[in-house]
Amino acid sequence: MKTFGRLELLYLVNSVLLFIHEEDSAYWREWELFGLPGGIQLFLLMDAVLIALGLIGFRYVVLKMRAGLWFALVQAGCGILAFVLHGIFILKGHPEFTLPMSEAVLILTVLVSVAQGTVSVQGLKHQRWPAT
């Protein structure tokens, strides 16, 4: 499978995992875990922006635009960061995100993110996509 096909699939799967994680985050009241002001209202506004950016990035990937590689790389970084941050909280004894499905989503997210990041870097390195 070429870079585009792999990246499109990885981006789509990672988007689904990150969207599921955001649903899970609302259940666990993540804004309290991270000490974010504004409660659910700010959390939902932030999610709206993240979802919009994710969809814009997917459009660039589907259109085989070079910007899609950058969006994919950023999304992969966010997936890895989510895993690391939540892992730290879990190791510190926080009960949030310790249900089997919560943990499965985090683990799958980091695995897909590493693969997506690798494909994105390869694409950028070899300049396989046009600059448009």
C-alpha atoms as a PDB file:
ATOM      1  CA  MET A   1       0.000   0.000   0.000  1.00  0.00           C
ATOM      2  CA  LYS A   2       1.410   3.391  -0.964  1.00  0.00           C
ATOM      3  CA  THR A   3       2.059   6.220   1.509  1.00  0.00           C
ATOM      4  CA  PHE A   4      -1.277   7.853   0.711  1.00  0.00           C
ATOM      5  CA  GLY A   5      -3.352   4.718   1.222  1.00  0.00           C
ATOM      6  CA  ARG A   6      -1.626   3.803   4.481  1.00  0.00           C
ATOM      7  CA  LEU A   7      -1.827   7.347   5.811  1.00  0.00           C
ATOM      8  CA  GLU A   8      -5.484   7.739   4.898  1.00  0.00           C
ATOM      9  CA  LEU A   9      -6.364   4.541   6.773  1.00  0.00           C
ATOM     10  CA  LEU A  10      -4.172   5.371   9.781  1.00  0.00           C
ATOM     11  CA  TYR A  11      -5.533   8.933   9.983  1.00  0.00           C
ATOM     12  CA  LEU A  12      -9.115   7.688   9.821  1.00  0.00           C
ATOM     13  CA  VAL A  13      -8.577   5.012  12.494  1.00  0.00           C
ATOM     14  CA  ASN A  14      -6.680   7.438  14.718  1.00  0.00           C
ATOM     15  CA  SER A  15      -9.429  10.042  14.348  1.00  0.00           C
ATOM     16  CA  VAL A  16     -12.045   7.508  15.440  1.00  0.00           C
ATOM     17  CA  LEU A  17      -9.905   6.500  18.433  1.00  0.00           C
ATOM     18  CA  LEU A  18      -9.308  10.117  19.438  1.00  0.00           C
ATOM     19  CA  PHE A  19     -13.015  10.940  19.082  1.00  0.00           C
ATOM     20  CA  ILE A  20     -13.880   7.947  21.285  1.00  0.00           C
ATOM     21  CA  HIS A  21     -11.247   9.101  23.766  1.00  0.00           C
ATOM     22  CA  GLU A  22     -12.884  12.540  23.895  1.00  0.00           C
ATOM     23  CA  GLU A  23     -16.235  10.912  24.692  1.00  0.00           C
ATOM     24  CA  ASP A  24     -14.491   8.959  27.436  1.00  0.00           C
ATOM     25  CA  SER A  25     -12.854  12.179  28.631  1.00  0.00           C
ATOM     26  CA  ALA A  26     -16.260  13.764  29.128  1.00  0.00           C
ATOM     27  CA  TYR A  27     -17.325  10.751  31.193  1.00  0.00           C
ATOM     28  CA  TRP A  28     -14.220  11.102  33.390  1.00  0.00           C
ATOM     29  CA  ARG A  29     -14.617  14.907  33.616  1.00  0.00           C
ATOM     30  CA  GLU A  30     -11.160  15.429  32.188  1.00  0.00           C
ATOM     31  CA  TRP A  31     -11.306  19.188  32.722  1.00  0.00           C
ATOM     32  CA  GLU A  32     -11.168  18.495  36.461  1.00  0.00           C
ATOM     33  CA  LEU A  33      -8.290  16.028  36.092  1.00  0.00           C
ATOM     34  CA  PHE A  34      -6.206  18.646  34.265  1.00  0.00           C
ATOM     35  CA  GLY A  35      -7.512  21.566  36.329  1.00  0.00           C
ATOM     36  CA  LEU A  36      -8.933  23.373  33.296  1.00  0.00           C
ATOM     37  CA  PRO A  37     -11.217  26.330  34.018  1.00  0.00           C
ATOM     38  CA  GLY A  38     -14.606  26.623  32.366  1.00  0.00           C
ATOM     39  CA  GLY A  39     -15.839  23.101  33.069  1.00  0.00           C
ATOM     40  CA  ILE A  40     -17.779  21.246  30.426  1.00  0.00           C
ATOM     41  CA  GLN A  41     -18.462  24.438  28.454  1.00  0.00           C
ATOM     42  CA  LEU A  42     -14.796  25.124  27.652  1.00  0.00           C
ATOM     43  CA  PHE A  43     -14.176  21.391  27.212  1.00  0.00           C
ATOM     44  CA  LEU A  44     -16.871  21.178  24.517  1.00  0.00           C
ATOM     45  CA  LEU A  45     -15.559  24.295  22.785  1.00  0.00           C
ATOM     46  CA  MET A  46     -12.047  22.825  22.739  1.00  0.00           C
ATOM     47  CA  ASP A  47     -13.417  19.543  21.374  1.00  0.00           C
ATOM     48  CA  ALA A  48     -15.255  21.393  18.597  1.00  0.00           C
ATOM     49  CA  VAL A  49     -11.991  23.026  17.514  1.00  0.00           C
ATOM     50  CA  LEU A  50     -10.042  19.740  17.727  1.00  0.00           C
ATOM     51  CA  ILE A  51     -12.669  17.832  15.738  1.00  0.00           C
ATOM     52  CA  ALA A  52     -12.800  20.552  13.069  1.00  0.00           C
ATOM     53  CA  LEU A  53      -9.005  20.551  12.741  1.00  0.00           C
ATOM     54  CA  GLY A  54      -9.008  16.750  12.563  1.00  0.00           C
ATOM     55  CA  LEU A  55     -11.552  16.770   9.754  1.00  0.00           C
ATOM     56  CA  ILE A  56      -9.690  19.490   7.859  1.00  0.00           C
ATOM     57  CA  GLY A  57      -6.520  17.423   8.153  1.00  0.00           C
ATOM     58  CA  PHE A  58      -8.285  14.326   6.867  1.00  0.00           C
ATOM     59  CA  ARG A  59      -9.465  16.309   3.852  1.00  0.00           C
ATOM     60  CA  TYR A  60      -5.862  17.262   3.083  1.00  0.00           C
ATOM     61  CA  VAL A  61      -4.801  13.627   3.423  1.00  0.00           C
ATOM     62  CA  VAL A  62      -7.565  12.430   1.098  1.00  0.00           C
ATOM     63  CA  LEU A  63      -6.646  15.111  -1.447  1.00  0.00           C
ATOM     64  CA  LYS A  64      -2.988  14.000  -1.220  1.00  0.00           C
ATOM     65  CA  MET A  65      -1.877  17.488  -0.255  1.00  0.00           C
ATOM     66  CA  ARG A  66       1.452  17.960   1.502  1.00  0.00           C
ATOM     67  CA  ALA A  67      -0.377  19.751   4.322  1.00  0.00           C
ATOM     68  CA  GLY A  68      -2.045  16.394   5.027  1.00  0.00           C
ATOM     69  CA  LEU A  69       1.322  14.945   5.993  1.00  0.00           C
ATOM     70  CA  TRP A  70       1.805  17.757   8.525  1.00  0.00           C
ATOM     71  CA  PHE A  71      -1.721  17.393   9.916  1.00  0.00           C
ATOM     72  CA  ALA A  72      -1.137  13.643  10.213  1.00  0.00           C
ATOM     73  CA  LEU A  73       2.146  14.203  12.016  1.00  0.00           C
ATOM     74  CA  VAL A  74       0.537  16.628  14.475  1.00  0.00           C
ATOM     75  CA  GLN A  75      -2.371  14.247  15.065  1.00  0.00           C
ATOM     76  CA  ALA A  76       0.065  11.400  15.708  1.00  0.00           C
ATOM     77  CA  GLY A  77       1.915  13.580  18.200  1.00  0.00           C
ATOM     78  CA  CYS A  78      -1.348  14.393  19.964  1.00  0.00           C
ATOM     79  CA  GLY A  79      -2.200  10.693  20.196  1.00  0.00           C
ATOM     80  CA  ILE A  80       1.187   9.897  21.716  1.00  0.00           C
ATOM     81  CA  LEU A  81       0.889  12.850  24.114  1.00  0.00           C
ATOM     82  CA  ALA A  82      -2.581  11.718  25.218  1.00  0.00           C
ATOM     83  CA  PHE A  83      -1.232   8.254  25.987  1.00  0.00           C
ATOM     84  CA  VAL A  84       1.743   9.618  27.942  1.00  0.00           C
ATOM     85  CA  LEU A  85      -0.256  12.162  29.974  1.00  0.00           C
ATOM     86  CA  HIS A  86      -3.014   9.734  30.868  1.00  0.00           C
ATOM     87  CA  GLY A  87      -0.441   7.048  31.625  1.00  0.00           C
ATOM     88  CA  ILE A  88       1.220   9.388  34.112  1.00  0.00           C
ATOM     89  CA  PHE A  89      -2.103  10.008  35.857  1.00  0.00           C
ATOM     90  CA  ILE A  90      -2.845   6.280  35.959  1.00  0.00           C
ATOM     91  CA  LEU A  91       0.621   5.528  37.392  1.00  0.00           C
ATOM     92  CA  LYS A  92       0.023   8.193  40.053  1.00  0.00           C
ATOM     93  CA  GLY A  93      -3.060   6.258  41.161  1.00  0.00           C
ATOM     94  CA  HIS A  94      -5.835   8.290  39.543  1.00  0.00           C
ATOM     95  CA  PRO A  95      -8.871   6.095  38.855  1.00  0.00           C
ATOM     96  CA  GLU A  96      -9.780   7.918  35.637  1.00  0.00           C
ATOM     97  CA  PHE A  97      -9.293   6.066  32.354  1.00  0.00           C
ATOM     98  CA  THR A  98      -8.741   2.709  34.059  1.00  0.00           C
ATOM     99  CA  LEU A  99     -11.770   0.899  32.671  1.00  0.00           C
ATOM    100  CA  PRO A 100     -10.805  -1.784  30.116  1.00  0.00           C
ATOM    101  CA  MET A 101     -12.252   0.156  27.171  1.00  0.00           C
ATOM    102  CA  SER A 102     -10.553   3.392  28.284  1.00  0.00           C
ATOM    103  CA  GLU A 103      -7.206   1.637  28.494  1.00  0.00           C
ATOM    104  CA  ALA A 104      -7.739  -0.185  25.193  1.00  0.00           C
ATOM    105  CA  VAL A 105      -8.477   3.090  23.405  1.00  0.00           C
ATOM    106  CA  LEU A 106      -5.345   4.702  24.849  1.00  0.00           C
ATOM    107  CA  ILE A 107      -3.148   1.727  23.900  1.00  0.00           C
ATOM    108  CA  LEU A 108      -4.574   1.496  20.392  1.00  0.00           C
ATOM    109  CA  THR A 109      -4.177   5.260  20.002  1.00  0.00           C
ATOM    110  CA  VAL A 110      -0.472   5.190  20.806  1.00  0.00           C
ATOM    111  CA  LEU A 111       0.141   2.219  18.499  1.00  0.00           C
ATOM    112  CA  VAL A 112      -1.716   3.809  15.585  1.00  0.00           C
ATOM    113  CA  SER A 113      -0.100   7.183  16.315  1.00  0.00           C
ATOM    114  CA  VAL A 114       3.414   5.735  16.145  1.00  0.00           C
ATOM    115  CA  ALA A 115       2.616   4.076  12.808  1.00  0.00           C
ATOM    116  CA  GLN A 116       0.956   7.247  11.500  1.00  0.00           C
ATOM    117  CA  GLY A 117       3.867   9.397  12.599  1.00  0.00           C
ATOM    118  CA  THR A 118       6.317   7.062  10.884  1.00  0.00           C
ATOM    119  CA  VAL A 119       4.400   7.107   7.596  1.00  0.00           C
ATOM    120  CA  SER A 120       4.046  10.908   7.801  1.00  0.00           C
ATOM    121  CA  VAL A 121       7.770  11.444   8.375  1.00  0.00           C
ATOM    122  CA  GLN A 122       8.610   9.082   5.503  1.00  0.00           C
ATOM    123  CA  GLY A 123       6.248  11.002   3.243  1.00  0.00           C
ATOM    124  CA  LEU A 124       7.744  14.345   4.228  1.00  0.00           C
ATOM    125  CA  LYS A 125      11.289  13.019   3.935  1.00  0.00           C
ATOM    126  CA  HIS A 126      10.778  11.663   0.456  1.00  0.00           C
ATOM    127  CA  GLN A 127       8.504  14.510  -0.606  1.00  0.00           C
ATOM    128  CA  ARG A 128       6.041  12.094  -2.125  1.00  0.00           C
ATOM    129  CA  TRP A 129       3.184  14.568  -2.116  1.00  0.00           C
ATOM    130  CA  PRO A 130       2.857  17.883  -3.924  1.00  0.00           C
ATOM    131  CA  ALA A 131       3.274  21.104  -1.960  1.00  0.00           C
ATOM    132  CA  THR A 132      -0.286  22.239  -2.672  1.00  0.00           C
END
